């Protein structure tokens, strides 16, 4: 595991694994809810938006995922990872 982040209400945790995947887990059941794939390299950091609707994953680039749909909605360049942290005013873990 390369990183983990809890959603704001603590009901789900996202874990960054090898092969460019991120898995979102239900904390109470311990079961995987969904797996997000799309990075070419290992995901090394994760960050939920303050409302928990979005999840940012950082690897060779940054993808912003719509958590309810398991689809990436935007793609940012690597240098903007710090910008996401400051805009969302939340620590990003990796």
Protein backbone atom coordinates (compact mmCIF):
# COMPACT_ATOMS: atom_id res chain seq x y z
CA UNK A 1 0.00 0.00 0.00
CA UNK A 2 1.37 3.38 -1.02
CA UNK A 3 -1.13 5.69 0.69
CA UNK A 4 -4.55 5.91 2.31
CA UNK A 5 -7.20 8.55 3.02
CA UNK A 6 -10.50 8.46 4.92
CA UNK A 7 -13.51 10.28 3.55
CA UNK A 8 -14.76 13.16 5.74
CA UNK A 9 -17.41 11.14 7.58
CA UNK A 10 -15.06 8.18 8.16
CA UNK A 11 -17.28 5.59 6.48
CA UNK A 12 -14.89 4.84 3.61
CA UNK A 13 -11.16 4.62 3.20
CA UNK A 14 -9.28 4.80 -0.09
CA UNK A 15 -6.02 2.89 -0.42
CA UNK A 16 -3.41 3.39 -3.11
CA UNK A 17 -1.96 0.16 -4.39
CA UNK A 18 0.49 -0.85 -7.06
CA UNK A 19 -0.25 -0.96 -10.76
CA UNK A 20 -2.01 2.42 -10.74
CA UNK A 21 -5.06 1.30 -8.78
CA UNK A 22 -6.96 2.84 -5.89
CA UNK A 23 -9.48 0.80 -3.91
CA UNK A 24 -12.28 2.35 -1.86
CA UNK A 25 -13.34 0.29 1.16
CA UNK A 26 -16.40 0.34 3.41
CA UNK A 27 -14.90 0.81 6.88
CA UNK A 28 -17.62 -1.01 8.83
CA UNK A 29 -17.82 -4.09 6.58
CA UNK A 30 -14.20 -4.18 5.44
CA UNK A 31 -15.37 -4.86 1.88
CA UNK A 32 -14.15 -3.19 -1.28
CA UNK A 33 -16.74 -0.79 -2.70
CA UNK A 34 -14.95 0.00 -5.95
CA UNK A 35 -11.56 -0.01 -7.61
CA UNK A 36 -10.40 3.01 -9.58
CA UNK A 37 -7.83 2.39 -12.29
CA UNK A 38 -6.30 4.60 -14.91
CA UNK A 39 -2.84 5.65 -13.76
CA UNK A 40 0.13 4.17 -15.61
CA UNK A 41 2.32 4.26 -12.46
CA UNK A 42 1.81 3.52 -8.76
CA UNK A 43 -0.55 5.90 -6.99
CA UNK A 44 1.47 7.57 -4.22
CA UNK A 45 -1.00 9.96 -2.57
CA UNK A 46 -4.75 10.37 -2.06
CA UNK A 47 -6.99 13.22 -0.95
CA UNK A 48 -10.77 13.53 -0.46
CA UNK A 49 -12.56 16.80 -1.09
CA UNK A 50 -14.12 18.34 2.04
CA UNK A 51 -17.60 17.09 1.05
CA UNK A 52 -16.32 13.59 0.16
CA UNK A 53 -17.73 13.73 -3.36
CA UNK A 54 -14.33 13.81 -5.05
CA UNK A 55 -11.12 11.87 -4.55
CA UNK A 56 -7.78 13.02 -5.97
CA UNK A 57 -5.14 10.41 -6.75
CA UNK A 58 -1.55 11.35 -7.54
CA UNK A 59 0.86 9.29 -9.66
CA UNK A 60 2.48 10.47 -12.88
CA UNK A 61 -0.43 12.91 -13.04
CA UNK A 62 -3.36 13.80 -10.84
CA UNK A 63 -6.82 12.38 -11.47
CA UNK A 64 -9.95 13.70 -9.82
CA UNK A 65 -12.55 10.98 -9.35
CA UNK A 66 -16.29 11.39 -8.85
CA UNK A 67 -16.67 8.89 -6.02
CA UNK A 68 -20.33 8.10 -6.63
CA UNK A 69 -19.68 7.12 -10.25
CA UNK A 70 -16.10 5.73 -10.16
CA UNK A 71 -15.21 7.93 -13.12
CA UNK A 72 -12.40 10.42 -13.40
CA UNK A 73 -13.78 13.81 -14.28
CA UNK A 74 -10.60 15.85 -14.67
CA UNK A 75 -6.91 15.35 -15.25
CA UNK A 76 -4.32 17.74 -13.80
CA UNK A 77 -0.59 17.97 -14.33
CA UNK A 78 1.75 16.76 -11.55
CA UNK A 79 2.76 20.23 -10.36
CA UNK A 80 -0.79 21.01 -9.27
CA UNK A 81 -0.97 18.44 -6.44
CA UNK A 82 -0.19 21.14 -3.86
CA UNK A 83 -2.87 23.34 -5.40
CA UNK A 84 -5.48 20.64 -4.71
CA UNK A 85 -4.38 20.40 -1.08
CA UNK A 86 -4.66 24.14 -0.56
CA UNK A 87 -7.96 24.53 -2.44
CA UNK A 88 -9.60 21.68 -0.53
CA UNK A 89 -7.93 22.85 2.70
CA UNK A 90 -7.30 19.26 3.73
CA UNK A 91 -4.19 17.11 4.15
CA UNK A 92 -3.49 14.69 1.34
CA UNK A 93 -1.90 11.41 2.31
CA UNK A 94 0.69 9.37 0.58
